[in-house]
Amino acid sequence: MTNISIQLCNRDNKFIINNMYPLYIHDLGEIRNTYPNKYGVFEEDNSIKTLEEQTPVFDIWWNKKDILFPFGML
């Protein structure tokens, strides 16, 4: 059986959040009644075309470390 631990992610592990967050947004889409933009990215407009372009948006968790706490499964 695989052991999973939930830990506060630092910048070295942020790729975990960057990879998982779009899936979370996808799941929330049904609840929030939101849809991906024309490029398949969950954003409010069509200015972001790839997940790679979207990734810097997630840096807010590490830029505001006293307010936001990014946890990840490691």
PDB file of N, CA and C in Angstrom:
ATOM      1  N   MET A   1       0.845  -1.177   0.000  1.00  0.00           N
ATOM      2  CA  MET A   1       0.000   0.000   0.000  1.00  0.00           C
ATOM      3  C   MET A   1       0.891   1.241   0.000  1.00  0.00           C
ATOM      4  N   THR A   2       0.510   2.225  -0.762  1.00  0.00           N
ATOM      5  CA  THR A   2       1.274   3.462  -0.873  1.00  0.00           C
ATOM      6  C   THR A   2       0.954   4.379   0.290  1.00  0.00           C
ATOM      7  N   ASN A   3       2.002   4.929   0.898  1.00  0.00           N
ATOM      8  CA  ASN A   3       1.814   5.920   1.956  1.00  0.00           C
ATOM      9  C   ASN A   3       1.778   7.303   1.340  1.00  0.00           C
ATOM     10  N   ILE A   4       0.799   8.079   1.744  1.00  0.00           N
ATOM     11  CA  ILE A   4       0.662   9.447   1.254  1.00  0.00           C
ATOM     12  C   ILE A   4       0.731  10.374   2.446  1.00  0.00           C
ATOM     13  N   SER A   5       1.519  11.419   2.320  1.00  0.00           N
ATOM     14  CA  SER A   5       1.556  12.442   3.370  1.00  0.00           C
ATOM     15  C   SER A   5       1.221  13.788   2.751  1.00  0.00           C
ATOM     16  N   ILE A   6       0.578  14.621   3.547  1.00  0.00           N
ATOM     17  CA  ILE A   6       0.231  15.965   3.100  1.00  0.00           C
ATOM     18  C   ILE A   6       1.156  16.930   3.812  1.00  0.00           C
ATOM     19  N   GLN A   7       1.880  17.704   3.018  1.00  0.00           N
ATOM     20  CA  GLN A   7       2.877  18.624   3.555  1.00  0.00           C
ATOM     21  C   GLN A   7       2.755  19.974   2.882  1.00  0.00           C
ATOM     22  N   LEU A   8       3.203  20.990   3.590  1.00  0.00           N
ATOM     23  CA  LEU A   8       3.282  22.316   3.005  1.00  0.00           C
ATOM     24  C   LEU A   8       4.331  22.283   1.899  1.00  0.00           C
ATOM     25  N   CYS A   9       3.957  22.704   0.712  1.00  0.00           N
ATOM     26  CA  CYS A   9       4.882  22.679  -0.425  1.00  0.00           C
ATOM     27  C   CYS A   9       5.751  23.926  -0.436  1.00  0.00           C
ATOM     28  N   ASN A  10       7.015  23.727  -0.648  1.00  0.00           N
ATOM     29  CA  ASN A  10       7.906  24.869  -0.839  1.00  0.00           C
ATOM     30  C   ASN A  10       8.133  25.051  -2.338  1.00  0.00           C
ATOM     31  N   ARG A  11       8.921  26.026  -2.684  1.00  0.00           N
ATOM     32  CA  ARG A  11       9.150  26.298  -4.118  1.00  0.00           C
ATOM     33  C   ARG A  11       9.772  25.105  -4.845  1.00  0.00           C
ATOM     34  N   ASP A  12      10.550  24.296  -4.128  1.00  0.00           N
ATOM     35  CA  ASP A  12      11.166  23.132  -4.771  1.00  0.00           C
ATOM     36  C   ASP A  12      10.132  22.078  -5.179  1.00  0.00           C
ATOM     37  N   ASN A  13       9.003  22.053  -4.461  1.00  0.00           N
ATOM     38  CA  ASN A  13       7.961  21.065  -4.744  1.00  0.00           C
ATOM     39  C   ASN A  13       6.742  21.656  -5.441  1.00  0.00           C
ATOM     40  N   LYS A  14       6.815  22.911  -5.844  1.00  0.00           N
ATOM     41  CA  LYS A  14       5.624  23.569  -6.389  1.00  0.00           C
ATOM     42  C   LYS A  14       5.122  22.931  -7.679  1.00  0.00           C
ATOM     43  N   PHE A  15       5.946  22.175  -8.340  1.00  0.00           N
ATOM     44  CA  PHE A  15       5.497  21.487  -9.554  1.00  0.00           C
ATOM     45  C   PHE A  15       4.326  20.559  -9.248  1.00  0.00           C
ATOM     46  N   ILE A  16       4.244  20.059  -8.023  1.00  0.00           N
ATOM     47  CA  ILE A  16       3.129  19.183  -7.642  1.00  0.00           C
ATOM     48  C   ILE A  16       1.819  19.969  -7.695  1.00  0.00           C
ATOM     49  N   ILE A  17       1.817  21.151  -7.089  1.00  0.00           N
ATOM     50  CA  ILE A  17       0.628  22.013  -7.122  1.00  0.00           C
ATOM     51  C   ILE A  17       0.332  22.420  -8.567  1.00  0.00           C
ATOM     52  N   ASN A  18       1.363  22.810  -9.292  1.00  0.00           N
ATOM     53  CA  ASN A  18       1.169  23.246 -10.682  1.00  0.00           C
ATOM     54  C   ASN A  18       0.536  22.147 -11.532  1.00  0.00           C
ATOM     55  N   ASN A  19       0.863  20.901 -11.249  1.00  0.00           N
ATOM     56  CA  ASN A  19       0.307  19.780 -12.011  1.00  0.00           C
ATOM     57  C   ASN A  19      -1.102  19.403 -11.560  1.00  0.00           C
ATOM     58  N   MET A  20      -1.381  19.540 -10.266  1.00  0.00           N
ATOM     59  CA  MET A  20      -2.661  19.102  -9.722  1.00  0.00           C
ATOM     60  C   MET A  20      -3.761  20.157  -9.800  1.00  0.00           C
ATOM     61  N   TYR A  21      -3.399  21.426  -9.741  1.00  0.00           N
ATOM     62  CA  TYR A  21      -4.402  22.480  -9.647  1.00  0.00           C
ATOM     63  C   TYR A  21      -5.349  22.540 -10.851  1.00  0.00           C
ATOM     64  N   PRO A  22      -4.874  22.389 -12.075  1.00  0.00           N
ATOM     65  CA  PRO A  22      -5.819  22.395 -13.202  1.00  0.00           C
ATOM     66  C   PRO A  22      -6.882  21.291 -13.090  1.00  0.00           C
ATOM     67  N   LEU A  23      -6.524  20.153 -12.508  1.00  0.00           N
ATOM     68  CA  LEU A  23      -7.511  19.087 -12.306  1.00  0.00           C
ATOM     69  C   LEU A  23      -8.555  19.503 -11.274  1.00  0.00           C
ATOM     70  N   TYR A  24      -8.107  20.193 -10.242  1.00  0.00           N
ATOM     71  CA  TYR A  24      -9.010  20.719  -9.215  1.00  0.00           C
ATOM     72  C   TYR A  24      -9.984  21.723  -9.829  1.00  0.00           C
ATOM     73  N   ILE A  25      -9.464  22.638 -10.642  1.00  0.00           N
ATOM     74  CA  ILE A  25     -10.306  23.637 -11.300  1.00  0.00           C
ATOM     75  C   ILE A  25     -11.310  22.952 -12.235  1.00  0.00           C
ATOM     76  N   HIS A  26     -10.868  21.911 -12.909  1.00  0.00           N
ATOM     77  CA  HIS A  26     -11.764  21.149 -13.783  1.00  0.00           C
ATOM     78  C   HIS A  26     -12.923  20.566 -12.973  1.00  0.00           C
ATOM     79  N   ASP A  27     -12.615  19.963 -11.827  1.00  0.00           N
ATOM     80  CA  ASP A  27     -13.663  19.383 -10.987  1.00  0.00           C
ATOM     81  C   ASP A  27     -14.628  20.446 -10.469  1.00  0.00           C
ATOM     82  N   LEU A  28     -14.113  21.614 -10.123  1.00  0.00           N
ATOM     83  CA  LEU A  28     -14.972  22.700  -9.649  1.00  0.00           C
ATOM     84  C   LEU A  28     -15.837  23.281 -10.762  1.00  0.00           C
ATOM     85  N   GLY A  29     -15.429  23.094 -11.994  1.00  0.00           N
ATOM     86  CA  GLY A  29     -16.161  23.645 -13.128  1.00  0.00           C
ATOM     87  C   GLY A  29     -17.631  23.258 -13.136  1.00  0.00           C
ATOM     88  N   GLU A  30     -17.915  22.028 -12.779  1.00  0.00           N
ATOM     89  CA  GLU A  30     -19.310  21.578 -12.761  1.00  0.00           C
ATOM     90  C   GLU A  30     -20.106  22.290 -11.666  1.00  0.00           C
ATOM     91  N   ILE A  31     -19.490  22.495 -10.522  1.00  0.00           N
ATOM     92  CA  ILE A  31     -20.160  23.168  -9.404  1.00  0.00           C
ATOM     93  C   ILE A  31     -20.349  24.650  -9.697  1.00  0.00           C
ATOM     94  N   ARG A  32     -19.316  25.265 -10.229  1.00  0.00           N
ATOM     95  CA  ARG A  32     -19.351  26.707 -10.518  1.00  0.00           C
ATOM     96  C   ARG A  32     -19.991  27.033 -11.863  1.00  0.00           C
ATOM     97  N   ASN A  33     -20.288  26.001 -12.626  1.00  0.00           N
ATOM     98  CA  ASN A  33     -20.841  26.172 -13.965  1.00  0.00           C
ATOM     99  C   ASN A  33     -19.904  27.006 -14.849  1.00  0.00           C
ATOM    100  N   THR A  34     -18.620  26.668 -14.796  1.00  0.00           N
ATOM    101  CA  THR A  34     -17.620  27.334 -15.631  1.00  0.00           C
ATOM    102  C   THR A  34     -17.059  26.324 -16.632  1.00  0.00           C
ATOM    103  N   TYR A  35     -16.535  26.858 -17.706  1.00  0.00           N
ATOM    104  CA  TYR A  35     -16.017  26.026 -18.785  1.00  0.00           C
ATOM    105  C   TYR A  35     -14.633  26.511 -19.185  1.00  0.00           C
ATOM    106  N   PRO A  36     -13.848  25.636 -19.797  1.00  0.00           N
ATOM    107  CA  PRO A  36     -12.536  26.081 -20.266  1.00  0.00           C
ATOM    108  C   PRO A  36     -12.679  27.085 -21.409  1.00  0.00           C
ATOM    109  N   ASN A  37     -11.626  27.871 -21.590  1.00  0.00           N
ATOM    110  CA  ASN A  37     -11.637  28.812 -22.713  1.00  0.00           C
ATOM    111  C   ASN A  37     -11.471  28.028 -24.024  1.00  0.00           C
ATOM    112  N   LYS A  38     -11.377  28.711 -25.126  1.00  0.00           N
ATOM    113  CA  LYS A  38     -11.330  28.016 -26.425  1.00  0.00           C
ATOM    114  C   LYS A  38     -10.068  27.183 -26.611  1.00  0.00           C
ATOM    115  N   TYR A  39      -9.065  27.361 -25.729  1.00  0.00           N
ATOM    116  CA  TYR A  39      -7.825  26.587 -25.796  1.00  0.00           C
ATOM    117  C   TYR A  39      -7.831  25.400 -24.825  1.00  0.00           C
ATOM    118  N   GLY A  40      -8.926  25.257 -24.065  1.00  0.00           N
ATOM    119  CA  GLY A  40      -9.024  24.148 -23.123  1.00  0.00           C
ATOM    120  C   GLY A  40      -8.455  24.442 -21.755  1.00  0.00           C
ATOM    121  N   VAL A  41      -8.156  25.702 -21.475  1.00  0.00           N
ATOM    122  CA  VAL A  41      -7.598  26.114 -20.186  1.00  0.00           C
ATOM    123  C   VAL A  41      -8.703  26.801 -19.388  1.00  0.00           C
ATOM    124  N   PHE A  42      -8.837  26.449 -18.124  1.00  0.00           N
ATOM    125  CA  PHE A  42      -9.844  27.089 -17.284  1.00  0.00           C
ATOM    126  C   PHE A  42      -9.368  28.471 -16.871  1.00  0.00           C
ATOM    127  N   GLU A  43      -9.706  29.452 -17.669  1.00  0.00           N
ATOM    128  CA  GLU A  43      -9.426  30.869 -17.427  1.00  0.00           C
ATOM    129  C   GLU A  43     -10.636  31.663 -17.886  1.00  0.00           C
ATOM    130  N   GLU A  44     -10.753  32.876 -17.379  1.00  0.00           N
ATOM    131  CA  GLU A  44     -11.928  33.693 -17.691  1.00  0.00           C
ATOM    132  C   GLU A  44     -11.948  34.206 -19.130  1.00  0.00           C
ATOM    133  N   ASP A  45     -10.782  34.296 -19.745  1.00  0.00           N
ATOM    134  CA  ASP A  45     -10.742  34.784 -21.122  1.00  0.00           C
ATOM    135  C   ASP A  45      -9.799  33.907 -21.942  1.00  0.00           C
ATOM    136  N   ASN A  46      -9.556  34.292 -23.169  1.00  0.00           N
ATOM    137  CA  ASN A  46      -8.711  33.495 -24.066  1.00  0.00           C
ATOM    138  C   ASN A  46      -7.267  33.962 -24.112  1.00  0.00           C
ATOM    139  N   SER A  47      -6.854  34.780 -23.145  1.00  0.00           N
ATOM    140  CA  SER A  47      -5.486  35.307 -23.171  1.00  0.00           C
ATOM    141  C   SER A  47      -4.447  34.243 -22.817  1.00  0.00           C
ATOM    142  N   ILE A  48      -4.837  33.218 -22.082  1.00  0.00           N
ATOM    143  CA  ILE A  48      -3.916  32.136 -21.718  1.00  0.00           C
ATOM    144  C   ILE A  48      -4.234  30.928 -22.580  1.00  0.00           C
ATOM    145  N   LYS A  49      -3.224  30.482 -23.336  1.00  0.00           N
ATOM    146  CA  LYS A  49      -3.430  29.410 -24.309  1.00  0.00           C
ATOM    147  C   LYS A  49      -2.928  28.051 -23.845  1.00  0.00           C
ATOM    148  N   THR A  50      -2.018  28.023 -22.861  1.00  0.00           N
ATOM    149  CA  THR A  50      -1.447  26.755 -22.419  1.00  0.00           C
ATOM    150  C   THR A  50      -1.365  26.717 -20.898  1.00  0.00           C
ATOM    151  N   LEU A  51      -1.257  25.514 -20.356  1.00  0.00           N
ATOM    152  CA  LEU A  51      -1.068  25.384 -18.913  1.00  0.00           C
ATOM    153  C   LEU A  51       0.268  25.973 -18.487  1.00  0.00           C
ATOM    154  N   GLU A  52       1.248  25.915 -19.367  1.00  0.00           N
ATOM    155  CA  GLU A  52       2.552  26.513 -19.064  1.00  0.00           C
ATOM    156  C   GLU A  52       2.420  28.021 -18.854  1.00  0.00           C
ATOM    157  N   GLU A  53       1.587  28.665 -19.644  1.00  0.00           N
ATOM    158  CA  GLU A  53       1.348  30.098 -19.464  1.00  0.00           C
ATOM    159  C   GLU A  53       0.567  30.375 -18.181  1.00  0.00           C
ATOM    160  N   GLN A  54      -0.256  29.434 -17.769  1.00  0.00           N
ATOM    161  CA  GLN A  54      -1.083  29.611 -16.578  1.00  0.00           C
ATOM    162  C   GLN A  54      -0.282  29.422 -15.286  1.00  0.00           C
ATOM    163  N   THR A  55       0.771  28.641 -15.327  1.00  0.00           N
ATOM    164  CA  THR A  55       1.533  28.283 -14.135  1.00  0.00           C
ATOM    165  C   THR A  55       1.978  29.472 -13.287  1.00  0.00           C
ATOM    166  N   PRO A  56       2.470  30.582 -13.847  1.00  0.00           N
ATOM    167  CA  PRO A  56       2.886  31.702 -12.997  1.00  0.00           C
ATOM    168  C   PRO A  56       1.766  32.264 -12.116  1.00  0.00           C
ATOM    169  N   VAL A  57       0.517  32.063 -12.510  1.00  0.00           N
ATOM    170  CA  VAL A  57      -0.607  32.520 -11.686  1.00  0.00           C
ATOM    171  C   VAL A  57      -0.563  31.845 -10.318  1.00  0.00           C
ATOM    172  N   PHE A  58      -0.112  30.604 -10.277  1.00  0.00           N
ATOM    173  CA  PHE A  58      -0.081  29.848  -9.032  1.00  0.00           C
ATOM    174  C   PHE A  58       1.024  30.304  -8.086  1.00  0.00           C
ATOM    175  N   ASP A  59       1.978  31.085  -8.564  1.00  0.00           N
ATOM    176  CA  ASP A  59       3.072  31.564  -7.712  1.00  0.00           C
ATOM    177  C   ASP A  59       2.589  32.455  -6.577  1.00  0.00           C
ATOM    178  N   ILE A  60       1.346  32.904  -6.631  1.00  0.00           N
ATOM    179  CA  ILE A  60       0.817  33.741  -5.558  1.00  0.00           C
ATOM    180  C   ILE A  60       0.926  33.021  -4.211  1.00  0.00           C
ATOM    181  N   TRP A  61       0.844  31.689  -4.214  1.00  0.00           N
ATOM    182  CA  TRP A  61       0.933  30.945  -2.961  1.00  0.00           C
ATOM    183  C   TRP A  61       2.300  31.086  -2.304  1.00  0.00           C
ATOM    184  N   TRP A  62       3.322  31.222  -3.082  1.00  0.00           N
ATOM    185  CA  TRP A  62       4.655  31.353  -2.504  1.00  0.00           C
ATOM    186  C   TRP A  62       5.044  32.817  -2.336  1.00  0.00           C
ATOM    187  N   ASN A  63       4.399  33.708  -3.069  1.00  0.00           N
ATOM    188  CA  ASN A  63       4.662  35.141  -2.909  1.00  0.00           C
ATOM    189  C   ASN A  63       3.939  35.723  -1.700  1.00  0.00           C
ATOM    190  N   LYS A  64       2.881  35.092  -1.254  1.00  0.00           N
ATOM    191  CA  LYS A  64       2.117  35.545  -0.084  1.00  0.00           C
ATOM    192  C   LYS A  64       2.110  34.432   0.954  1.00  0.00           C
ATOM    193  N   LYS A  65       3.286  34.005   1.366  1.00  0.00           N
ATOM    194  CA  LYS A  65       3.421  32.818   2.211  1.00  0.00           C
ATOM    195  C   LYS A  65       2.846  32.974   3.610  1.00  0.00           C
ATOM    196  N   ASP A  66       2.585  34.196   4.061  1.00  0.00           N
ATOM    197  CA  ASP A  66       1.977  34.380   5.376  1.00  0.00           C
ATOM    198  C   ASP A  66       0.452  34.398   5.311  1.00  0.00           C
ATOM    199  N   ILE A  67      -0.101  34.344   4.100  1.00  0.00           N
ATOM    200  CA  ILE A  67      -1.551  34.404   3.918  1.00  0.00           C
ATOM    201  C   ILE A  67      -2.086  33.112   3.306  1.00  0.00           C
ATOM    202  N   LEU A  68      -1.384  32.599   2.312  1.00  0.00           N
ATOM    203  CA  LEU A  68      -1.822  31.400   1.601  1.00  0.00           C
ATOM    204  C   LEU A  68      -0.879  30.245   1.911  1.00  0.00           C
ATOM    205  N   PHE A  69      -1.434  29.052   2.027  1.00  0.00           N
ATOM    206  CA  PHE A  69      -0.638  27.898   2.430  1.00  0.00           C
ATOM    207  C   PHE A  69      -0.865  26.746   1.456  1.00  0.00           C
ATOM    208  N   PRO A  70       0.071  26.549   0.526  1.00  0.00           N
ATOM    209  CA  PRO A  70      -0.098  25.481  -0.462  1.00  0.00           C
ATOM    210  C   PRO A  70       0.320  24.124   0.102  1.00  0.00           C
ATOM    211  N   PHE A  71      -0.632  23.249   0.264  1.00  0.00           N
ATOM    212  CA  PHE A  71      -0.334  21.905   0.719  1.00  0.00           C
ATOM    213  C   PHE A  71      -0.382  20.962  -0.468  1.00  0.00           C
ATOM    214  N   GLY A  72       0.442  19.933  -0.413  1.00  0.00           N
ATOM    215  CA  GLY A  72       0.470  18.954  -1.483  1.00  0.00           C
ATOM    216  C   GLY A  72       0.629  17.558  -0.923  1.00  0.00           C
ATOM    217  N   MET A  73       0.262  16.577  -1.705  1.00  0.00           N
ATOM    218  CA  MET A  73       0.449  15.183  -1.318  1.00  0.00           C
ATOM    219  C   MET A  73       1.802  14.739  -1.834  1.00  0.00           C
ATOM    220  N   LEU A  74       2.619  14.273  -0.943  1.00  0.00           N
ATOM    221  CA  LEU A  74       3.960  13.817  -1.312  1.00  0.00           C
ATOM    222  C   LEU A  74       4.117  12.344  -0.996  1.00  0.00           C
TER     223      LEU A  74
END
